[in-house]
ModelCIF file with pLDDT and N, C-alpha, C, O atoms, coordinates in Angstrom:
data_MODEL
#
_entry.id   MODEL 
#
_entity.id                         1 
_entity.type                       polymer 
_entity.pdbx_number_of_molecules   1 
#
_entity_poly.entity_id                      1 
_entity_poly.type                           'polypeptide(L)' 
_entity_poly.nstd_linkage                   no 
_entity_poly.nstd_monomer                   no 
_entity_poly.pdbx_seq_one_letter_code       KNVFNNLDIIPTNIDLSGAEIELLDIENKEYILKKEVDKIRDNYDF 
_entity_poly.pdbx_seq_one_letter_code_can   KNVFNNLDIIPTNIDLSGAEIELLDIENKEYILKKEVDKIRDNYDF 
_entity_poly.pdbx_strand_id                 A 
#
loop_
_entity_poly_seq.entity_id 
_entity_poly_seq.num 
_entity_poly_seq.mon_id 
_entity_poly_seq.hetero 
1 1  LYS n 
1 2  ASN n 
1 3  VAL n 
1 4  PHE n 
1 5  ASN n 
1 6  ASN n 
1 7  LEU n 
1 8  ASP n 
1 9  ILE n 
1 10 ILE n 
1 11 PRO n 
1 12 THR n 
1 13 ASN n 
1 14 ILE n 
1 15 ASP n 
1 16 LEU n 
1 17 SER n 
1 18 GLY n 
1 19 ALA n 
1 20 GLU n 
1 21 ILE n 
1 22 GLU n 
1 23 LEU n 
1 24 LEU n 
1 25 ASP n 
1 26 ILE n 
1 27 GLU n 
1 28 ASN n 
1 29 LYS n 
1 30 GLU n 
1 31 TYR n 
1 32 ILE n 
1 33 LEU n 
1 34 LYS n 
1 35 LYS n 
1 36 GLU n 
1 37 VAL n 
1 38 ASP n 
1 39 LYS n 
1 40 ILE n 
1 41 ARG n 
1 42 ASP n 
1 43 ASN n 
1 44 TYR n 
1 45 ASP n 
1 46 PHE n 
#
_struct_asym.id          A 
_struct_asym.entity_id   1 
#
loop_
_ma_qa_metric.id 
_ma_qa_metric.mode 
_ma_qa_metric.name 
_ma_qa_metric.software_group_id 
_ma_qa_metric.type 
1 global pLDDT . pLDDT 
2 local  pLDDT . pLDDT 
#
_ma_qa_metric_global.metric_id      1 
_ma_qa_metric_global.metric_value   93.00 
_ma_qa_metric_global.model_id       1 
_ma_qa_metric_global.ordinal_id     1 
#
loop_
_ma_qa_metric_local.label_asym_id 
_ma_qa_metric_local.label_comp_id 
_ma_qa_metric_local.label_seq_id 
_ma_qa_metric_local.metric_id 
_ma_qa_metric_local.metric_value 
_ma_qa_metric_local.model_id 
_ma_qa_metric_local.ordinal_id 
A LYS 1  2 96.00 1 1  
A ASN 2  2 95.00 1 2  
A VAL 3  2 96.00 1 3  
A PHE 4  2 97.00 1 4  
A ASN 5  2 96.00 1 5  
A ASN 6  2 97.00 1 6  
A LEU 7  2 98.00 1 7  
A ASP 8  2 98.00 1 8  
A ILE 9  2 98.00 1 9  
A ILE 10 2 98.00 1 10 
A PRO 11 2 97.00 1 11 
A THR 12 2 97.00 1 12 
A ASN 13 2 94.00 1 13 
A ILE 14 2 93.00 1 14 
A ASP 15 2 92.00 1 15 
A LEU 16 2 93.00 1 16 
A SER 17 2 90.00 1 17 
A GLY 18 2 87.00 1 18 
A ALA 19 2 87.00 1 19 
A GLU 20 2 82.00 1 20 
A ILE 21 2 86.00 1 21 
A GLU 22 2 85.00 1 22 
A LEU 23 2 83.00 1 23 
A LEU 24 2 80.00 1 24 
A ASP 25 2 82.00 1 25 
A ILE 26 2 85.00 1 26 
A GLU 27 2 87.00 1 27 
A ASN 28 2 90.00 1 28 
A LYS 29 2 91.00 1 29 
A GLU 30 2 93.00 1 30 
A TYR 31 2 95.00 1 31 
A ILE 32 2 94.00 1 32 
A LEU 33 2 95.00 1 33 
A LYS 34 2 96.00 1 34 
A LYS 35 2 96.00 1 35 
A GLU 36 2 95.00 1 36 
A VAL 37 2 96.00 1 37 
A ASP 38 2 96.00 1 38 
A LYS 39 2 95.00 1 39 
A ILE 40 2 96.00 1 40 
A ARG 41 2 95.00 1 41 
A ASP 42 2 96.00 1 42 
A ASN 43 2 97.00 1 43 
A TYR 44 2 98.00 1 44 
A ASP 45 2 97.00 1 45 
A PHE 46 2 98.00 1 46 
#
loop_
_atom_site.group_PDB 
_atom_site.id 
_atom_site.type_symbol 
_atom_site.label_atom_id 
_atom_site.label_alt_id 
_atom_site.label_comp_id 
_atom_site.label_asym_id 
_atom_site.label_entity_id 
_atom_site.label_seq_id 
_atom_site.pdbx_PDB_ins_code 
_atom_site.Cartn_x 
_atom_site.Cartn_y 
_atom_site.Cartn_z 
_atom_site.occupancy 
_atom_site.B_iso_or_equiv 
_atom_site.pdbx_formal_charge 
_atom_site.auth_seq_id 
_atom_site.auth_comp_id 
_atom_site.auth_asym_id 
_atom_site.auth_atom_id 
_atom_site.pdbx_PDB_model_num 
ATOM 1   N N  . LYS A 1 1  ? 29.451 -66.734 -95.928  1.00 96.00 ? 1  LYS A N  1 
ATOM 2   C CA . LYS A 1 1  ? 29.794 -65.424 -96.496  1.00 96.00 ? 1  LYS A CA 1 
ATOM 3   C C  . LYS A 1 1  ? 28.871 -65.040 -97.649  1.00 96.00 ? 1  LYS A C  1 
ATOM 4   O O  . LYS A 1 1  ? 28.405 -65.883 -98.415  1.00 96.00 ? 1  LYS A O  1 
ATOM 5   N N  . ASN A 1 2  ? 28.628 -63.743 -97.740  1.00 95.00 ? 2  ASN A N  1 
ATOM 6   C CA . ASN A 1 2  ? 27.856 -63.163 -98.848  1.00 95.00 ? 2  ASN A CA 1 
ATOM 7   C C  . ASN A 1 2  ? 26.544 -63.877 -99.128  1.00 95.00 ? 2  ASN A C  1 
ATOM 8   O O  . ASN A 1 2  ? 26.248 -64.226 -100.270 1.00 95.00 ? 2  ASN A O  1 
ATOM 9   N N  . VAL A 1 3  ? 25.754 -64.092 -98.070  1.00 96.00 ? 3  VAL A N  1 
ATOM 10  C CA . VAL A 1 3  ? 24.423 -64.680 -98.307  1.00 96.00 ? 3  VAL A CA 1 
ATOM 11  C C  . VAL A 1 3  ? 23.579 -63.692 -99.114  1.00 96.00 ? 3  VAL A C  1 
ATOM 12  O O  . VAL A 1 3  ? 22.732 -64.084 -99.916  1.00 96.00 ? 3  VAL A O  1 
ATOM 13  N N  . PHE A 1 4  ? 23.828 -62.412 -98.883  1.00 97.00 ? 4  PHE A N  1 
ATOM 14  C CA . PHE A 1 4  ? 23.362 -61.332 -99.760  1.00 97.00 ? 4  PHE A CA 1 
ATOM 15  C C  . PHE A 1 4  ? 24.530 -60.356 -99.874  1.00 97.00 ? 4  PHE A C  1 
ATOM 16  O O  . PHE A 1 4  ? 25.497 -60.454 -99.118  1.00 97.00 ? 4  PHE A O  1 
ATOM 17  N N  . ASN A 1 5  ? 24.446 -59.435 -100.797 1.00 96.00 ? 5  ASN A N  1 
ATOM 18  C CA . ASN A 1 5  ? 25.533 -58.497 -101.004 1.00 96.00 ? 5  ASN A CA 1 
ATOM 19  C C  . ASN A 1 5  ? 25.883 -57.766 -99.701  1.00 96.00 ? 5  ASN A C  1 
ATOM 20  O O  . ASN A 1 5  ? 25.008 -57.197 -99.049  1.00 96.00 ? 5  ASN A O  1 
ATOM 21  N N  . ASN A 1 6  ? 27.171 -57.786 -99.326  1.00 97.00 ? 6  ASN A N  1 
ATOM 22  C CA . ASN A 1 6  ? 27.680 -57.128 -98.103  1.00 97.00 ? 6  ASN A CA 1 
ATOM 23  C C  . ASN A 1 6  ? 27.207 -57.770 -96.798  1.00 97.00 ? 6  ASN A C  1 
ATOM 24  O O  . ASN A 1 6  ? 27.419 -57.205 -95.725  1.00 97.00 ? 6  ASN A O  1 
ATOM 25  N N  . LEU A 1 7  ? 26.571 -58.938 -96.872  1.00 98.00 ? 7  LEU A N  1 
ATOM 26  C CA . LEU A 1 7  ? 25.983 -59.528 -95.661  1.00 98.00 ? 7  LEU A CA 1 
ATOM 27  C C  . LEU A 1 7  ? 26.451 -60.974 -95.450  1.00 98.00 ? 7  LEU A C  1 
ATOM 28  O O  . LEU A 1 7  ? 26.199 -61.855 -96.271  1.00 98.00 ? 7  LEU A O  1 
ATOM 29  N N  . ASP A 1 8  ? 27.144 -61.189 -94.317  1.00 98.00 ? 8  ASP A N  1 
ATOM 30  C CA . ASP A 1 8  ? 27.550 -62.531 -93.890  1.00 98.00 ? 8  ASP A CA 1 
ATOM 31  C C  . ASP A 1 8  ? 26.690 -62.927 -92.689  1.00 98.00 ? 8  ASP A C  1 
ATOM 32  O O  . ASP A 1 8  ? 26.107 -62.075 -92.017  1.00 98.00 ? 8  ASP A O  1 
ATOM 33  N N  . ILE A 1 9  ? 26.624 -64.235 -92.434  1.00 98.00 ? 9  ILE A N  1 
ATOM 34  C CA . ILE A 1 9  ? 25.860 -64.694 -91.259  1.00 98.00 ? 9  ILE A CA 1 
ATOM 35  C C  . ILE A 1 9  ? 26.589 -65.834 -90.560  1.00 98.00 ? 9  ILE A C  1 
ATOM 36  O O  . ILE A 1 9  ? 27.231 -66.663 -91.205  1.00 98.00 ? 9  ILE A O  1 
ATOM 37  N N  . ILE A 1 10 ? 26.483 -65.864 -89.233  1.00 98.00 ? 10 ILE A N  1 
ATOM 38  C CA . ILE A 1 10 ? 26.824 -67.074 -88.473  1.00 98.00 ? 10 ILE A CA 1 
ATOM 39  C C  . ILE A 1 10 ? 25.486 -67.724 -88.144  1.00 98.00 ? 10 ILE A C  1 
ATOM 40  O O  . ILE A 1 10 ? 24.720 -67.195 -87.339  1.00 98.00 ? 10 ILE A O  1 
ATOM 41  N N  . PRO A 1 11 ? 25.198 -68.876 -88.766  1.00 97.00 ? 11 PRO A N  1 
ATOM 42  C CA . PRO A 1 11 ? 23.861 -69.477 -88.649  1.00 97.00 ? 11 PRO A CA 1 
ATOM 43  C C  . PRO A 1 11 ? 23.694 -70.250 -87.349  1.00 97.00 ? 11 PRO A C  1 
ATOM 44  O O  . PRO A 1 11 ? 24.646 -70.460 -86.598  1.00 97.00 ? 11 PRO A O  1 
ATOM 45  N N  . THR A 1 12 ? 22.465 -70.664 -87.109  1.00 97.00 ? 12 THR A N  1 
ATOM 46  C CA . THR A 1 12 ? 22.208 -71.551 -85.966  1.00 97.00 ? 12 THR A CA 1 
ATOM 47  C C  . THR A 1 12 ? 21.125 -72.547 -86.348  1.00 97.00 ? 12 THR A C  1 
ATOM 48  O O  . THR A 1 12 ? 20.475 -72.419 -87.385  1.00 97.00 ? 12 THR A O  1 
ATOM 49  N N  . ASN A 1 13 ? 20.944 -73.548 -85.480  1.00 94.00 ? 13 ASN A N  1 
ATOM 50  C CA . ASN A 1 13 ? 19.788 -74.454 -85.587  1.00 94.00 ? 13 ASN A CA 1 
ATOM 51  C C  . ASN A 1 13 ? 19.430 -74.922 -84.176  1.00 94.00 ? 13 ASN A C  1 
ATOM 52  O O  . ASN A 1 13 ? 19.962 -74.405 -83.194  1.00 94.00 ? 13 ASN A O  1 
ATOM 53  N N  . ILE A 1 14 ? 18.558 -75.870 -84.082  1.00 93.00 ? 14 ILE A N  1 
ATOM 54  C CA . ILE A 1 14 ? 17.993 -76.277 -82.786  1.00 93.00 ? 14 ILE A CA 1 
ATOM 55  C C  . ILE A 1 14 ? 19.055 -76.844 -81.830  1.00 93.00 ? 14 ILE A C  1 
ATOM 56  O O  . ILE A 1 14 ? 18.831 -76.898 -80.621  1.00 93.00 ? 14 ILE A O  1 
ATOM 57  N N  . ASP A 1 15 ? 20.205 -77.264 -82.366  1.00 92.00 ? 15 ASP A N  1 
ATOM 58  C CA . ASP A 1 15 ? 21.293 -77.762 -81.499  1.00 92.00 ? 15 ASP A CA 1 
ATOM 59  C C  . ASP A 1 15 ? 21.660 -76.749 -80.420  1.00 92.00 ? 15 ASP A C  1 
ATOM 60  O O  . ASP A 1 15 ? 22.063 -77.117 -79.316  1.00 92.00 ? 15 ASP A O  1 
ATOM 61  N N  . LEU A 1 16 ? 21.515 -75.470 -80.757  1.00 93.00 ? 16 LEU A N  1 
ATOM 62  C CA . LEU A 1 16 ? 21.925 -74.415 -79.833  1.00 93.00 ? 16 LEU A CA 1 
ATOM 63  C C  . LEU A 1 16 ? 21.151 -74.471 -78.515  1.00 93.00 ? 16 LEU A C  1 
ATOM 64  O O  . LEU A 1 16 ? 21.640 -73.999 -77.490  1.00 93.00 ? 16 LEU A O  1 
ATOM 65  N N  . SER A 1 17 ? 19.946 -75.047 -78.537  1.00 90.00 ? 17 SER A N  1 
ATOM 66  C CA . SER A 1 17 ? 19.137 -75.078 -77.311  1.00 90.00 ? 17 SER A CA 1 
ATOM 67  C C  . SER A 1 17 ? 19.805 -75.922 -76.228  1.00 90.00 ? 17 SER A C  1 
ATOM 68  O O  . SER A 1 17 ? 19.497 -75.766 -75.046  1.00 90.00 ? 17 SER A O  1 
ATOM 69  N N  . GLY A 1 18 ? 20.711 -76.809 -76.616  1.00 87.00 ? 18 GLY A N  1 
ATOM 70  C CA . GLY A 1 18 ? 21.432 -77.623 -75.627  1.00 87.00 ? 18 GLY A CA 1 
ATOM 71  C C  . GLY A 1 18 ? 22.682 -76.957 -75.084  1.00 87.00 ? 18 GLY A C  1 
ATOM 72  O O  . GLY A 1 18 ? 23.310 -77.471 -74.158  1.00 87.00 ? 18 GLY A O  1 
ATOM 73  N N  . ALA A 1 19 ? 23.046 -75.814 -75.655  1.00 87.00 ? 19 ALA A N  1 
ATOM 74  C CA . ALA A 1 19 ? 24.321 -75.178 -75.283  1.00 87.00 ? 19 ALA A CA 1 
ATOM 75  C C  . ALA A 1 19 ? 24.355 -74.739 -73.826  1.00 87.00 ? 19 ALA A C  1 
ATOM 76  O O  . ALA A 1 19 ? 25.403 -74.798 -73.183  1.00 87.00 ? 19 ALA A O  1 
ATOM 77  N N  . GLU A 1 20 ? 23.213 -74.297 -73.303  1.00 82.00 ? 20 GLU A N  1 
ATOM 78  C CA . GLU A 1 20 ? 23.172 -73.797 -71.922  1.00 82.00 ? 20 GLU A CA 1 
ATOM 79  C C  . GLU A 1 20 ? 23.705 -74.846 -70.941  1.00 82.00 ? 20 GLU A C  1 
ATOM 80  O O  . GLU A 1 20 ? 24.485 -74.535 -70.042  1.00 82.00 ? 20 GLU A O  1 
ATOM 81  N N  . ILE A 1 21 ? 23.269 -76.085 -71.133  1.00 86.00 ? 21 ILE A N  1 
ATOM 82  C CA . ILE A 1 21 ? 23.668 -77.165 -70.225  1.00 86.00 ? 21 ILE A CA 1 
ATOM 83  C C  . ILE A 1 21 ? 25.159 -77.454 -70.395  1.00 86.00 ? 21 ILE A C  1 
ATOM 84  O O  . ILE A 1 21 ? 25.874 -77.676 -69.418  1.00 86.00 ? 21 ILE A O  1 
ATOM 85  N N  . GLU A 1 22 ? 25.617 -77.449 -71.645  1.00 85.00 ? 22 GLU A N  1 
ATOM 86  C CA . GLU A 1 22 ? 27.030 -77.764 -71.900  1.00 85.00 ? 22 GLU A CA 1 
ATOM 87  C C  . GLU A 1 22 ? 27.957 -76.676 -71.373  1.00 85.00 ? 22 GLU A C  1 
ATOM 88  O O  . GLU A 1 22 ? 29.141 -76.922 -71.142  1.00 85.00 ? 22 GLU A O  1 
ATOM 89  N N  . LEU A 1 23 ? 27.422 -75.476 -71.182  1.00 83.00 ? 23 LEU A N  1 
ATOM 90  C CA . LEU A 1 23 ? 28.257 -74.367 -70.706  1.00 83.00 ? 23 LEU A CA 1 
ATOM 91  C C  . LEU A 1 23 ? 28.380 -74.313 -69.191  1.00 83.00 ? 23 LEU A C  1 
ATOM 92  O O  . LEU A 1 23 ? 29.170 -73.533 -68.659  1.00 83.00 ? 23 LEU A O  1 
ATOM 93  N N  . LEU A 1 24 ? 27.599 -75.142 -68.489  1.00 80.00 ? 24 LEU A N  1 
ATOM 94  C CA . LEU A 1 24 ? 27.510 -75.031 -67.030  1.00 80.00 ? 24 LEU A CA 1 
ATOM 95  C C  . LEU A 1 24 ? 28.872 -74.980 -66.335  1.00 80.00 ? 24 LEU A C  1 
ATOM 96  O O  . LEU A 1 24 ? 29.081 -74.156 -65.445  1.00 80.00 ? 24 LEU A O  1 
ATOM 97  N N  . ASP A 1 25 ? 29.798 -75.853 -66.734  1.00 82.00 ? 25 ASP A N  1 
ATOM 98  C CA . ASP A 1 25 ? 31.079 -75.953 -66.012  1.00 82.00 ? 25 ASP A CA 1 
ATOM 99  C C  . ASP A 1 25 ? 32.204 -75.168 -66.668  1.00 82.00 ? 25 ASP A C  1 
ATOM 100 O O  . ASP A 1 25 ? 33.355 -75.256 -66.240  1.00 82.00 ? 25 ASP A O  1 
ATOM 101 N N  . ILE A 1 26 ? 31.880 -74.398 -67.708  1.00 85.00 ? 26 ILE A N  1 
ATOM 102 C CA . ILE A 1 26 ? 32.945 -73.712 -68.442  1.00 85.00 ? 26 ILE A CA 1 
ATOM 103 C C  . ILE A 1 26 ? 33.255 -72.362 -67.793  1.00 85.00 ? 26 ILE A C  1 
ATOM 104 O O  . ILE A 1 26 ? 32.355 -71.594 -67.454  1.00 85.00 ? 26 ILE A O  1 
ATOM 105 N N  . GLU A 1 27 ? 34.553 -72.097 -67.630  1.00 87.00 ? 27 GLU A N  1 
ATOM 106 C CA . GLU A 1 27 ? 34.963 -70.809 -67.055  1.00 87.00 ? 27 GLU A CA 1 
ATOM 107 C C  . GLU A 1 27 ? 34.702 -69.678 -68.039  1.00 87.00 ? 27 GLU A C  1 
ATOM 108 O O  . GLU A 1 27 ? 34.807 -69.863 -69.252  1.00 87.00 ? 27 GLU A O  1 
ATOM 109 N N  . ASN A 1 28 ? 34.362 -68.508 -67.514  1.00 90.00 ? 28 ASN A N  1 
ATOM 110 C CA . ASN A 1 28 ? 34.121 -67.318 -68.352  1.00 90.00 ? 28 ASN A CA 1 
ATOM 111 C C  . ASN A 1 28 ? 33.129 -67.588 -69.475  1.00 90.00 ? 28 ASN A C  1 
ATOM 112 O O  . ASN A 1 28 ? 33.275 -67.082 -70.588  1.00 90.00 ? 28 ASN A O  1 
ATOM 113 N N  . LYS A 1 29 ? 32.121 -68.392 -69.164  1.00 91.00 ? 29 LYS A N  1 
ATOM 114 C CA . LYS A 1 29 ? 31.167 -68.788 -70.208  1.00 91.00 ? 29 LYS A CA 1 
ATOM 115 C C  . LYS A 1 29 ? 30.381 -67.603 -70.768  1.00 91.00 ? 29 LYS A C  1 
ATOM 116 O O  . LYS A 1 29 ? 29.817 -67.681 -71.859  1.00 91.00 ? 29 LYS A O  1 
ATOM 117 N N  . GLU A 1 30 ? 30.350 -66.497 -70.003  1.00 93.00 ? 30 GLU A N  1 
ATOM 118 C CA . GLU A 1 30 ? 29.613 -65.309 -70.467  1.00 93.00 ? 30 GLU A CA 1 
ATOM 119 C C  . GLU A 1 30 ? 30.313 -64.619 -71.634  1.00 93.00 ? 30 GLU A C  1 
ATOM 120 O O  . GLU A 1 30 ? 29.712 -63.799 -72.328  1.00 93.00 ? 30 GLU A O  1 
ATOM 121 N N  . TYR A 1 31 ? 31.603 -64.957 -71.853  1.00 95.00 ? 31 TYR A N  1 
ATOM 122 C CA . TYR A 1 31 ? 32.405 -64.214 -72.845  1.00 95.00 ? 31 TYR A CA 1 
ATOM 123 C C  . TYR A 1 31 ? 32.798 -65.039 -74.068  1.00 95.00 ? 31 TYR A C  1 
ATOM 124 O O  . TYR A 1 31 ? 33.634 -64.606 -74.861  1.00 95.00 ? 31 TYR A O  1 
ATOM 125 N N  . ILE A 1 32 ? 32.205 -66.221 -74.229  1.00 94.00 ? 32 ILE A N  1 
ATOM 126 C CA . ILE A 1 32 ? 32.623 -67.094 -75.333  1.00 94.00 ? 32 ILE A CA 1 
ATOM 127 C C  . ILE A 1 32 ? 32.383 -66.426 -76.683  1.00 94.00 ? 32 ILE A C  1 
ATOM 128 O O  . ILE A 1 32 ? 33.268 -66.408 -77.540  1.00 94.00 ? 32 ILE A O  1 
ATOM 129 N N  . LEU A 1 33 ? 31.190 -65.880 -76.868  1.00 95.00 ? 33 LEU A N  1 
ATOM 130 C CA . LEU A 1 33 ? 30.869 -65.236 -78.147  1.00 95.00 ? 33 LEU A CA 1 
ATOM 131 C C  . LEU A 1 33 ? 31.744 -64.001 -78.366  1.00 95.00 ? 33 LEU A C  1 
ATOM 132 O O  . LEU A 1 33 ? 32.265 -63.786 -79.460  1.00 95.00 ? 33 LEU A O  1 
ATOM 133 N N  . LYS A 1 34 ? 31.898 -63.206 -77.332  1.00 96.00 ? 34 LYS A N  1 
ATOM 134 C CA . LYS A 1 34 ? 32.705 -61.973 -77.436  1.00 96.00 ? 34 LYS A CA 1 
ATOM 135 C C  . LYS A 1 34 ? 34.124 -62.284 -77.911  1.00 96.00 ? 34 LYS A C  1 
ATOM 136 O O  . LYS A 1 34 ? 34.659 -61.614 -78.795  1.00 96.00 ? 34 LYS A O  1 
ATOM 137 N N  . LYS A 1 35 ? 34.722 -63.309 -77.309  1.00 96.00 ? 35 LYS A N  1 
ATOM 138 C CA . LYS A 1 35 ? 36.106 -63.666 -77.644  1.00 96.00 ? 35 LYS A CA 1 
ATOM 139 C C  . LYS A 1 35 ? 36.239 -63.987 -79.139  1.00 96.00 ? 35 LYS A C  1 
ATOM 140 O O  . LYS A 1 35 ? 37.222 -63.615 -79.780  1.00 96.00 ? 35 LYS A O  1 
ATOM 141 N N  . GLU A 1 36 ? 35.244 -64.675 -79.676  1.00 95.00 ? 36 GLU A N  1 
ATOM 142 C CA . GLU A 1 36 ? 35.295 -65.051 -81.097  1.00 95.00 ? 36 GLU A CA 1 
ATOM 143 C C  . GLU A 1 36 ? 34.969 -63.865 -82.013  1.00 95.00 ? 36 GLU A C  1 
ATOM 144 O O  . GLU A 1 36 ? 35.660 -63.633 -83.006  1.00 95.00 ? 36 GLU A O  1 
ATOM 145 N N  . VAL A 1 37 ? 33.919 -63.121 -81.675  1.00 96.00 ? 37 VAL A N  1 
ATOM 146 C CA . VAL A 1 37 ? 33.509 -61.998 -82.540  1.00 96.00 ? 37 VAL A CA 1 
ATOM 147 C C  . VAL A 1 37 ? 34.589 -60.917 -82.569  1.00 96.00 ? 37 VAL A C  1 
ATOM 148 O O  . VAL A 1 37 ? 34.790 -60.269 -83.596  1.00 96.00 ? 37 VAL A O  1 
ATOM 149 N N  . ASP A 1 38 ? 35.285 -60.719 -81.444  1.00 96.00 ? 38 ASP A N  1 
ATOM 150 C CA . ASP A 1 38 ? 36.359 -59.714 -81.400  1.00 96.00 ? 38 ASP A CA 1 
ATOM 151 C C  . ASP A 1 38 ? 37.437 -59.969 -82.453  1.00 96.00 ? 38 ASP A C  1 
ATOM 152 O O  . ASP A 1 38 ? 38.102 -59.040 -82.912  1.00 96.00 ? 38 ASP A O  1 
ATOM 153 N N  . LYS A 1 39 ? 37.601 -61.245 -82.829  1.00 95.00 ? 39 LYS A N  1 
ATOM 154 C CA . LYS A 1 39 ? 38.641 -61.589 -83.820  1.00 95.00 ? 39 LYS A CA 1 
ATOM 155 C C  . LYS A 1 39 ? 38.333 -61.011 -85.201  1.00 95.00 ? 39 LYS A C  1 
ATOM 156 O O  . LYS A 1 39 ? 39.240 -60.749 -85.991  1.00 95.00 ? 39 LYS A O  1 
ATOM 157 N N  . ILE A 1 40 ? 37.032 -60.815 -85.481  1.00 96.00 ? 40 ILE A N  1 
ATOM 158 C CA . ILE A 1 40 ? 36.684 -60.390 -86.855  1.00 96.00 ? 40 ILE A CA 1 
ATOM 159 C C  . ILE A 1 40 ? 35.862 -59.096 -86.914  1.00 96.00 ? 40 ILE A C  1 
ATOM 160 O O  . ILE A 1 40 ? 35.462 -58.671 -87.997  1.00 96.00 ? 40 ILE A O  1 
ATOM 161 N N  . ARG A 1 41 ? 35.607 -58.471 -85.762  1.00 95.00 ? 41 ARG A N  1 
ATOM 162 C CA . ARG A 1 41 ? 34.696 -57.310 -85.790  1.00 95.00 ? 41 ARG A CA 1 
ATOM 163 C C  . ARG A 1 41 ? 35.233 -56.174 -86.655  1.00 95.00 ? 41 ARG A C  1 
ATOM 164 O O  . ARG A 1 41 ? 34.456 -55.391 -87.201  1.00 95.00 ? 41 ARG A O  1 
ATOM 165 N N  . ASP A 1 42 ? 36.561 -56.079 -86.783  1.00 96.00 ? 42 ASP A N  1 
ATOM 166 C CA . ASP A 1 42 ? 37.137 -55.012 -87.609  1.00 96.00 ? 42 ASP A CA 1 
ATOM 167 C C  . ASP A 1 42 ? 36.821 -55.184 -89.097  1.00 96.00 ? 42 ASP A C  1 
ATOM 168 O O  . ASP A 1 42 ? 36.984 -54.245 -89.876  1.00 96.00 ? 42 ASP A O  1 
ATOM 169 N N  . ASN A 1 43 ? 36.372 -56.371 -89.491  1.00 97.00 ? 43 ASN A N  1 
ATOM 170 C CA . ASN A 1 43 ? 36.016 -56.609 -90.902  1.00 97.00 ? 43 ASN A CA 1 
ATOM 171 C C  . ASN A 1 43 ? 34.637 -56.065 -91.254  1.00 97.00 ? 43 ASN A C  1 
ATOM 172 O O  . ASN A 1 43 ? 34.245 -56.064 -92.421  1.00 97.00 ? 43 ASN A O  1 
ATOM 173 N N  . TYR A 1 44 ? 33.901 -55.601 -90.243  1.00 98.00 ? 44 TYR A N  1 
ATOM 174 C CA . TYR A 1 44 ? 32.498 -55.216 -90.459  1.00 98.00 ? 44 TYR A CA 1 
ATOM 175 C C  . TYR A 1 44 ? 32.210 -53.806 -89.947  1.00 98.00 ? 44 TYR A C  1 
ATOM 176 O O  . TYR A 1 44 ? 32.864 -53.308 -89.031  1.00 98.00 ? 44 TYR A O  1 
ATOM 177 N N  . ASP A 1 45 ? 31.212 -53.180 -90.567  1.00 97.00 ? 45 ASP A N  1 
ATOM 178 C CA . ASP A 1 45 ? 30.702 -51.908 -90.040  1.00 97.00 ? 45 ASP A CA 1 
ATOM 179 C C  . ASP A 1 45 ? 29.690 -52.162 -88.926  1.00 97.00 ? 45 ASP A C  1 
ATOM 180 O O  . ASP A 1 45 ? 29.615 -51.417 -87.950  1.00 97.00 ? 45 ASP A O  1 
ATOM 181 N N  . PHE A 1 46 ? 28.907 -53.245 -89.100  1.00 98.00 ? 46 PHE A N  1 
ATOM 182 C CA . PHE A 1 46 ? 27.883 -53.583 -88.110  1.00 98.00 ? 46 PHE A CA 1 
ATOM 183 C C  . PHE A 1 46 ? 27.853 -55.090 -87.874  1.00 98.00 ? 46 PHE A C  1 
ATOM 184 O O  . PHE A 1 46 ? 27.055 -55.574 -87.073  1.00 98.00 ? 46 PHE A O  1 
#
């Protein structure tokens, strides 16, 4: 939170490059991010 004024971030690192393989067998894998971001999108303008 507040890495700069009015600006939050969800960070990443190189671990994310392995996510594609781990998602192979997961149902609705296309919507994982959407499901999480929908929980907090009302807190933000953008």
